Amino acid sequence: MEIRENRIIQTYGFENELPTKQVQSFIDAFKDEKLIKKRKERKVAV
């Protein structure tokens, strides 16, 4: 998985395979838990 600027760029597996349904569900959970929270935290002005 490649992540840049809190965005997932690509998610390919071994030998350039697309993610399986199980892996895709993990990616979605990871994105919701780790990346979206970071975006919300950065929007707060001080």
C-alpha atoms as a PDB file:
ATOM      1  CA  MET A   1       0.000   0.000   0.000  1.00  0.00           C
ATOM      2  CA  GLU A   2       1.359   3.388  -0.944  1.00  0.00           C
ATOM      3  CA  ILE A   3       0.220   6.413   1.063  1.00  0.00           C
ATOM      4  CA  ARG A   4       1.049  10.031   0.254  1.00  0.00           C
ATOM      5  CA  GLU A   5      -0.332  13.115   1.975  1.00  0.00           C
ATOM      6  CA  ASN A   6      -2.829  10.995   3.957  1.00  0.00           C
ATOM      7  CA  ARG A   7      -4.273   9.453   0.775  1.00  0.00           C
ATOM      8  CA  ILE A   8      -3.954   5.886  -0.453  1.00  0.00           C
ATOM      9  CA  ILE A   9      -2.313   5.996  -3.873  1.00  0.00           C
ATOM     10  CA  GLN A  10      -2.168   2.321  -4.808  1.00  0.00           C
ATOM     11  CA  THR A  11      -2.899  -1.057  -3.254  1.00  0.00           C
ATOM     12  CA  TYR A  12      -1.508  -3.921  -5.276  1.00  0.00           C
ATOM     13  CA  GLY A  13      -0.499  -7.290  -3.923  1.00  0.00           C
ATOM     14  CA  PHE A  14       2.124  -9.827  -4.890  1.00  0.00           C
ATOM     15  CA  GLU A  15       2.750  -9.876  -8.656  1.00  0.00           C
ATOM     16  CA  ASN A  16       0.521  -6.804  -9.177  1.00  0.00           C
ATOM     17  CA  GLU A  17      -2.700  -8.524  -8.142  1.00  0.00           C
ATOM     18  CA  LEU A  18      -5.691  -6.429  -7.176  1.00  0.00           C
ATOM     19  CA  PRO A  19      -6.728  -6.644  -3.519  1.00  0.00           C
ATOM     20  CA  THR A  20      -9.138  -9.399  -2.543  1.00  0.00           C
ATOM     21  CA  LYS A  21     -12.448  -8.574  -0.855  1.00  0.00           C
ATOM     22  CA  GLN A  22     -10.927  -9.301   2.542  1.00  0.00           C
ATOM     23  CA  VAL A  23      -7.940  -7.045   1.882  1.00  0.00           C
ATOM     24  CA  GLN A  24     -10.209  -4.319   0.484  1.00  0.00           C
ATOM     25  CA  SER A  25     -12.295  -4.379   3.671  1.00  0.00           C
ATOM     26  CA  PHE A  26      -9.095  -3.964   5.702  1.00  0.00           C
ATOM     27  CA  ILE A  27      -8.022  -1.047   3.498  1.00  0.00           C
ATOM     28  CA  ASP A  28     -11.393   0.647   3.995  1.00  0.00           C
ATOM     29  CA  ALA A  29     -11.185   0.188   7.774  1.00  0.00           C
ATOM     30  CA  PHE A  30      -7.590   1.471   7.801  1.00  0.00           C
ATOM     31  CA  LYS A  31      -8.580   4.511   5.780  1.00  0.00           C
ATOM     32  CA  ASP A  32     -11.501   5.299   8.085  1.00  0.00           C
ATOM     33  CA  GLU A  33      -9.475   4.823  11.262  1.00  0.00           C
ATOM     34  CA  LYS A  34      -6.115   6.339  10.399  1.00  0.00           C
ATOM     35  CA  LEU A  35      -6.349   8.664   7.406  1.00  0.00           C
ATOM     36  CA  ILE A  36      -9.700  10.403   7.771  1.00  0.00           C
ATOM     37  CA  LYS A  37      -9.048  11.256  11.429  1.00  0.00           C
ATOM     38  CA  LYS A  38      -5.768  12.917  10.470  1.00  0.00           C
ATOM     39  CA  ARG A  39      -7.503  15.088   7.891  1.00  0.00           C
ATOM     40  CA  LYS A  40     -10.103  16.244  10.418  1.00  0.00           C
ATOM     41  CA  GLU A  41      -7.434  17.039  12.989  1.00  0.00           C
ATOM     42  CA  ARG A  42      -5.499  19.195  10.550  1.00  0.00           C
ATOM     43  CA  LYS A  43      -8.508  21.353   9.647  1.00  0.00           C
ATOM     44  CA  VAL A  44      -8.595  22.905  13.117  1.00  0.00           C
ATOM     45  CA  ALA A  45      -7.134  26.409  13.025  1.00  0.00           C
ATOM     46  CA  VAL A  46      -5.119  27.706  15.940  1.00  0.00           C
END
